[in-house]
């Protein structure tokens, strides 16, 4: 369609960015078209997007100039970084800064920056209830993103700050689904106590972001928190068990126990869950399910999500 506004999407082959691209593709008469930005334009996922008529452009978050070229001529930009590729808060901040500078240089009229709160406002570095990570963070993949918020603001990039949350695809890709114990029974192991976890389908993050782009200047300068549902892990385990056809228990561990598990990023994720648990109210209050549903009328529940994705969850 002539005159369509281009939305440049970083992480376009990933969970969040892919959701944004698909939301744009699904709205044939919406007046927008997606430009998928990826380091690997020859990957199968990138080729699949190209096959659907999406413009695929190569750029690297470590290369500001490549991002500036990729953003050129675009109306909007969905900006997201992937901490889990490198586990470095410092690098994530640099990449976010590159995105902000490129958006400014390219004259982006509306950027959405996928970010989080700075957890150090709740647990200062001097507070030993959880370890300090990488010398200056409590939850590195939260705090580094939060630090970058100011870069977008200081550069004058018209930005909506999108506070995302735990997405249920973590059960598929991050090993957070039910696991079989030595007794042969399945359980979900989380250090969440009895607190409710704000969760969402990654696809709905994309739909919410696209709805914000469509609303335009109304959301520039605003911080928007989104969630699909608030559930305890007990509730999630029960729902998962019904979908999978066998009982799933909640294996409640402490944050310290979780941090001791031998996988990359366990300390960061353990601290994250401790924040979710101990600061449930402030974290959940800003992530209104009703406000998210206003952006995404068909908002997915966890029950609906797991029914559709149960065969994708690796069961050990």
Protein backbone atom coordinates (compact mmCIF):
# COMPACT_ATOMS: atom_id res chain seq x y z
CA UNK A 1 0.00 0.00 0.00
CA UNK A 2 1.44 3.35 -1.03
CA UNK A 3 2.21 5.74 1.80
CA UNK A 4 2.54 3.04 4.46
CA UNK A 5 4.64 3.99 7.46
CA UNK A 6 7.62 1.74 8.05
CA UNK A 7 8.21 0.25 11.50
CA UNK A 8 11.80 -0.95 11.84
CA UNK A 9 11.92 -3.87 14.26
CA UNK A 10 15.08 -5.06 15.97
CA UNK A 11 15.13 -8.65 17.18
CA UNK A 12 12.70 -9.38 14.38
CA UNK A 13 13.46 -13.11 14.39
CA UNK A 14 13.09 -13.35 18.17
CA UNK A 15 10.10 -13.60 20.48
CA UNK A 16 9.27 -9.93 21.02
CA UNK A 17 10.36 -8.46 17.70
CA UNK A 18 8.80 -11.37 15.83
CA UNK A 19 5.52 -10.66 17.58
CA UNK A 20 5.63 -7.03 16.43
CA UNK A 21 6.31 -8.04 12.84
CA UNK A 22 3.44 -10.55 12.85
CA UNK A 23 1.06 -8.01 14.36
CA UNK A 24 1.87 -5.60 11.53
CA UNK A 25 1.51 -8.33 8.90
CA UNK A 26 -1.89 -9.33 10.29
CA UNK A 27 -3.27 -5.81 9.84
CA UNK A 28 -3.33 -5.52 6.06
CA UNK A 29 -5.06 -2.15 5.98
CA UNK A 30 -3.43 -0.62 9.04
CA UNK A 31 -1.20 1.79 7.16
CA UNK A 32 2.05 0.31 8.45
CA UNK A 33 4.60 -2.15 7.13
CA UNK A 34 7.39 -3.96 8.91
CA UNK A 35 11.11 -3.77 8.28
CA UNK A 36 12.82 -6.70 9.98
CA UNK A 37 16.28 -5.91 11.30
CA UNK A 38 18.55 -8.86 11.99
CA UNK A 39 22.23 -9.72 12.13
CA UNK A 40 21.53 -12.81 10.05
CA UNK A 41 19.41 -12.00 7.00
CA UNK A 42 20.27 -15.41 5.56
CA UNK A 43 18.84 -17.34 8.52
CA UNK A 44 15.78 -19.52 8.01
CA UNK A 45 13.65 -17.22 10.18
CA UNK A 46 14.72 -14.13 8.24
CA UNK A 47 14.06 -15.89 4.92
CA UNK A 48 10.61 -16.89 6.16
CA UNK A 49 9.82 -13.24 6.91
CA UNK A 50 11.09 -12.19 3.49
CA UNK A 51 8.83 -14.84 1.99
CA UNK A 52 5.88 -13.09 3.63
CA UNK A 53 6.81 -9.83 1.97
CA UNK A 54 8.69 -8.30 4.88
CA UNK A 55 11.70 -6.11 4.05
CA UNK A 56 14.70 -7.72 5.77
CA UNK A 57 17.71 -5.51 6.55
CA UNK A 58 21.03 -6.51 8.09
CA UNK A 59 22.30 -4.57 11.12
CA UNK A 60 24.09 -5.27 14.38
CA UNK A 61 23.26 -3.80 17.79
CA UNK A 62 27.00 -3.39 18.37
CA UNK A 63 27.29 -1.19 15.26
CA UNK A 64 25.52 2.16 15.60
CA UNK A 65 26.06 3.12 11.95
CA UNK A 66 24.52 -0.12 10.69
CA UNK A 67 21.46 0.61 12.83
CA UNK A 68 21.25 4.17 11.54
CA UNK A 69 21.19 2.84 7.96
CA UNK A 70 18.60 0.23 8.90
CA UNK A 71 16.36 2.88 10.50
CA UNK A 72 16.68 5.31 7.56
CA UNK A 73 13.30 6.29 6.14
CA UNK A 74 11.35 4.53 8.87
CA UNK A 75 8.56 6.20 10.82
CA UNK A 76 8.91 4.05 13.93
CA UNK A 77 11.35 1.68 15.57
CA UNK A 78 10.78 -1.17 18.00
CA UNK A 79 13.96 -1.34 20.04
CA UNK A 80 14.83 -4.47 22.02
CA UNK A 81 18.11 -5.98 23.20
CA UNK A 82 18.91 -9.57 24.15
CA UNK A 83 20.88 -9.80 27.40
CA UNK A 84 20.88 -13.61 27.19
CA UNK A 85 23.23 -13.61 24.20
CA UNK A 86 26.10 -12.21 26.27
CA UNK A 87 24.97 -11.87 29.93
CA UNK A 88 26.60 -8.44 30.23
CA UNK A 89 24.69 -5.47 31.64
CA UNK A 90 27.39 -3.14 30.38
CA UNK A 91 27.08 -4.47 26.83
CA UNK A 92 23.31 -4.23 26.97
CA UNK A 93 23.56 -0.57 27.95
CA UNK A 94 25.95 0.10 25.05
CA UNK A 95 23.61 -1.63 22.60
CA UNK A 96 20.62 0.34 23.89
CA UNK A 97 22.62 3.54 23.52
CA UNK A 98 23.42 2.59 19.93
CA UNK A 99 19.72 2.09 19.28
CA UNK A 100 18.83 5.47 20.77
CA UNK A 101 21.56 7.29 18.83
CA UNK A 102 20.57 5.59 15.58
CA UNK A 103 16.90 6.44 16.14
CA UNK A 104 17.83 10.07 16.72
CA UNK A 105 20.11 10.24 13.67
CA UNK A 106 17.50 8.61 11.42
CA UNK A 107 14.75 10.94 12.57
CA UNK A 108 12.52 8.20 14.00
CA UNK A 109 9.18 9.76 14.90
CA UNK A 110 8.11 7.11 17.42
CA UNK A 111 10.39 4.61 19.14
CA UNK A 112 9.22 1.93 21.54
CA UNK A 113 11.98 0.88 23.91
CA UNK A 114 11.40 -2.52 25.56
CA UNK A 115 12.66 -1.92 29.08
CA UNK A 116 12.27 -2.65 32.79
CA UNK A 117 12.46 -0.92 36.15
CA UNK A 118 15.74 -0.28 37.90
CA UNK A 119 15.61 -2.82 40.73
CA UNK A 120 18.19 -0.85 42.71
CA UNK A 121 15.44 1.59 43.70
CA UNK A 122 13.98 -1.29 45.73
CA UNK A 123 17.18 -3.09 46.72
CA UNK A 124 20.17 -0.72 46.83
CA UNK A 125 23.63 -2.09 46.12
CA UNK A 126 24.35 -1.82 49.86
CA UNK A 127 21.43 -4.15 50.65
CA UNK A 128 22.73 -7.69 51.09
CA UNK A 129 19.41 -9.50 50.88
CA UNK A 130 20.52 -10.41 47.35
CA UNK A 131 24.01 -10.38 45.81
CA UNK A 132 25.27 -7.50 43.71
CA UNK A 133 26.06 -8.68 40.18
CA UNK A 134 28.77 -7.53 37.77
CA UNK A 135 29.84 -4.97 40.38
CA UNK A 136 26.87 -2.63 39.97
CA UNK A 137 23.55 -4.38 39.37
CA UNK A 138 21.00 -6.35 41.34
CA UNK A 139 19.17 -7.66 38.27
CA UNK A 140 21.53 -6.88 35.42
CA UNK A 141 19.06 -7.39 32.56
CA UNK A 142 16.60 -5.03 34.28
CA UNK A 143 18.96 -2.37 35.61
CA UNK A 144 21.00 -1.89 32.43
CA UNK A 145 17.84 -1.41 30.36
CA UNK A 146 16.52 1.07 32.93
CA UNK A 147 19.77 3.05 32.80
CA UNK A 148 19.33 3.35 29.04
CA UNK A 149 15.91 4.99 29.40
CA UNK A 150 17.64 8.28 30.09
CA UNK A 151 19.64 8.04 26.86
CA UNK A 152 16.45 8.00 24.76
CA UNK A 153 15.09 10.93 26.79
CA UNK A 154 18.25 13.05 26.71
CA UNK A 155 18.65 12.60 22.97
CA UNK A 156 15.06 13.75 22.45
CA UNK A 157 13.93 10.53 20.75
CA UNK A 158 10.10 10.43 20.82
CA UNK A 159 9.80 7.26 22.89
CA UNK A 160 7.28 5.04 24.60
CA UNK A 161 8.88 3.05 27.42
CA UNK A 162 7.31 -0.40 27.34
CA UNK A 163 7.65 -2.32 30.59
CA UNK A 164 7.37 -5.95 29.61
CA UNK A 165 7.30 -8.93 31.95
CA UNK A 166 7.91 -12.67 32.21
CA UNK A 167 6.71 -14.26 29.01
CA UNK A 168 5.32 -17.73 28.98
CA UNK A 169 7.58 -18.76 26.10
CA UNK A 170 10.24 -19.08 28.83
CA UNK A 171 8.64 -22.47 29.51
CA UNK A 172 9.68 -23.46 25.97
CA UNK A 173 13.01 -21.76 25.42
CA UNK A 174 14.40 -21.14 28.89
CA UNK A 175 13.84 -24.45 30.63
CA UNK A 176 11.24 -23.07 33.02
CA UNK A 177 8.55 -25.60 32.23
CA UNK A 178 7.69 -28.72 34.25
CA UNK A 179 10.58 -31.08 34.95
CA UNK A 180 10.46 -34.70 36.06
CA UNK A 181 11.98 -35.34 39.48
CA UNK A 182 13.72 -38.47 40.79
CA UNK A 183 10.29 -39.71 41.93
CA UNK A 184 8.99 -39.52 38.37
CA UNK A 185 6.62 -36.68 39.19
CA UNK A 186 6.61 -33.32 37.43
CA UNK A 187 7.14 -29.97 39.09
CA UNK A 188 7.82 -26.33 38.24
CA UNK A 189 10.73 -24.99 40.28
CA UNK A 190 10.56 -21.26 41.05
CA UNK A 191 11.61 -19.05 43.97
CA UNK A 192 8.36 -17.09 43.99
CA UNK A 193 6.85 -17.92 47.37
CA UNK A 194 3.10 -17.34 47.16
CA UNK A 195 3.38 -14.15 45.11
CA UNK A 196 1.62 -13.74 41.79
CA UNK A 197 3.78 -13.62 38.68
CA UNK A 198 2.84 -11.10 36.01
CA UNK A 199 3.07 -13.07 32.77
CA UNK A 200 2.22 -12.58 29.12
CA UNK A 201 2.37 -14.32 25.75
CA UNK A 202 5.21 -12.90 23.66
CA UNK A 203 2.78 -12.57 20.77
CA UNK A 204 0.71 -10.17 22.87
CA UNK A 205 3.76 -8.01 23.56
CA UNK A 206 3.98 -7.56 19.80
CA UNK A 207 0.27 -6.78 19.51
CA UNK A 208 0.44 -4.25 22.35
CA UNK A 209 3.46 -2.54 20.79
CA UNK A 210 1.75 -2.32 17.42
CA UNK A 211 -1.38 -0.86 19.05
CA UNK A 212 0.83 1.80 20.67
CA UNK A 213 2.40 2.64 17.30
CA UNK A 214 -1.08 3.02 15.82
CA UNK A 215 -2.07 5.44 18.59
CA UNK A 216 0.98 7.54 17.78
CA UNK A 217 1.78 10.70 19.71
CA UNK A 218 -0.72 9.85 22.43
CA UNK A 219 1.84 7.42 23.86
CA UNK A 220 5.09 9.33 23.22
CA UNK A 221 6.85 10.09 26.48
CA UNK A 222 4.75 7.60 28.41
CA UNK A 223 5.69 4.48 30.32
CA UNK A 224 3.34 1.57 29.68
CA UNK A 225 3.35 -1.65 31.69
CA UNK A 226 1.75 -4.74 30.18
CA UNK A 227 0.67 -8.18 31.43
CA UNK A 228 -1.65 -10.93 30.26
CA UNK A 229 -2.46 -12.46 33.64
CA UNK A 230 -1.32 -12.51 37.29
CA UNK A 231 -0.94 -16.05 38.61
CA UNK A 232 0.83 -17.79 41.48
CA UNK A 233 3.16 -20.61 40.45
CA UNK A 234 0.72 -22.98 42.18
CA UNK A 235 -1.98 -21.77 39.80
CA UNK A 236 0.34 -22.01 36.79
CA UNK A 237 1.34 -25.55 37.75
CA UNK A 238 -2.30 -26.60 38.11
CA UNK A 239 -3.22 -25.11 34.73
CA UNK A 240 -0.15 -26.70 33.12
CA UNK A 241 -1.05 -30.09 34.57
CA UNK A 242 -4.56 -29.96 33.16
CA UNK A 243 -3.25 -29.06 29.70
CA UNK A 244 -0.48 -31.67 29.73
CA UNK A 245 -2.65 -34.43 31.14
CA UNK A 246 -0.65 -35.23 34.29
CA UNK A 247 -0.20 -33.56 37.72
CA UNK A 248 2.33 -30.75 37.96
CA UNK A 249 3.40 -29.51 41.40
CA UNK A 250 5.02 -26.28 42.49
CA UNK A 251 8.53 -26.95 43.80
CA UNK A 252 8.99 -23.89 45.96
CA UNK A 253 12.66 -23.02 46.52
CA UNK A 254 14.37 -19.98 47.96
CA UNK A 255 16.02 -17.37 45.76
CA UNK A 256 19.38 -18.39 47.22
CA UNK A 257 18.76 -22.00 46.24
CA UNK A 258 17.78 -20.95 42.74
CA UNK A 259 20.90 -18.81 42.37
CA UNK A 260 23.00 -21.87 43.21
CA UNK A 261 21.66 -23.87 40.23
CA UNK A 262 24.37 -24.54 37.66
CA UNK A 263 23.16 -22.76 34.55
CA UNK A 264 24.26 -19.48 32.93
CA UNK A 265 22.42 -16.49 34.38
CA UNK A 266 21.02 -18.35 37.42
CA UNK A 267 22.15 -15.55 39.73
CA UNK A 268 20.45 -12.88 37.63
CA UNK A 269 17.22 -14.85 37.27
CA UNK A 270 17.24 -15.76 40.96
CA UNK A 271 17.50 -12.08 41.85
CA UNK A 272 14.74 -11.31 39.34
CA UNK A 273 12.34 -13.76 40.93
CA UNK A 274 13.21 -12.40 44.37
CA UNK A 275 12.17 -8.96 43.10
CA UNK A 276 8.94 -10.43 41.69
CA UNK A 277 8.26 -12.02 45.08
CA UNK A 278 9.27 -9.29 47.51
CA UNK A 279 7.99 -6.38 45.40
CA UNK A 280 4.93 -8.04 43.92
CA UNK A 281 2.63 -5.05 44.49
CA UNK A 282 4.66 -2.25 42.83
CA UNK A 283 5.74 -4.56 40.00
CA UNK A 284 2.22 -5.79 39.28
CA UNK A 285 0.41 -2.50 39.84
CA UNK A 286 2.06 -0.80 36.86
CA UNK A 287 1.34 -3.84 34.67
CA UNK A 288 -2.42 -3.57 34.41
CA UNK A 289 -4.11 -6.52 32.73
CA UNK A 290 -7.17 -4.35 32.00
CA UNK A 291 -5.04 -1.63 30.39
CA UNK A 292 -3.23 -4.27 28.35
CA UNK A 293 -6.56 -5.74 27.24
CA UNK A 294 -7.56 -2.28 26.03
CA UNK A 295 -4.56 -2.44 23.69
CA UNK A 296 -5.01 -6.14 22.87
CA UNK A 297 -8.74 -7.00 23.00
CA UNK A 298 -8.11 -10.74 22.50
CA UNK A 299 -5.50 -10.90 25.27
CA UNK A 300 -4.28 -14.47 25.79
CA UNK A 301 -4.69 -16.20 29.16
CA UNK A 302 -2.11 -18.68 30.42
CA UNK A 303 -4.67 -21.46 30.07
CA UNK A 304 -5.22 -20.60 26.42
CA UNK A 305 -1.50 -20.17 25.78
CA UNK A 306 -0.45 -23.50 27.23
CA UNK A 307 -3.27 -25.34 25.47
CA UNK A 308 -1.91 -24.01 22.17
CA UNK A 309 1.78 -24.56 23.02
CA UNK A 310 1.88 -27.70 25.21
CA UNK A 311 3.59 -29.81 22.55
CA UNK A 312 6.41 -27.24 22.31
CA UNK A 313 7.36 -27.43 26.00
CA UNK A 314 10.34 -29.78 26.52
CA UNK A 315 9.54 -32.32 29.24
CA UNK A 316 12.49 -34.00 30.94
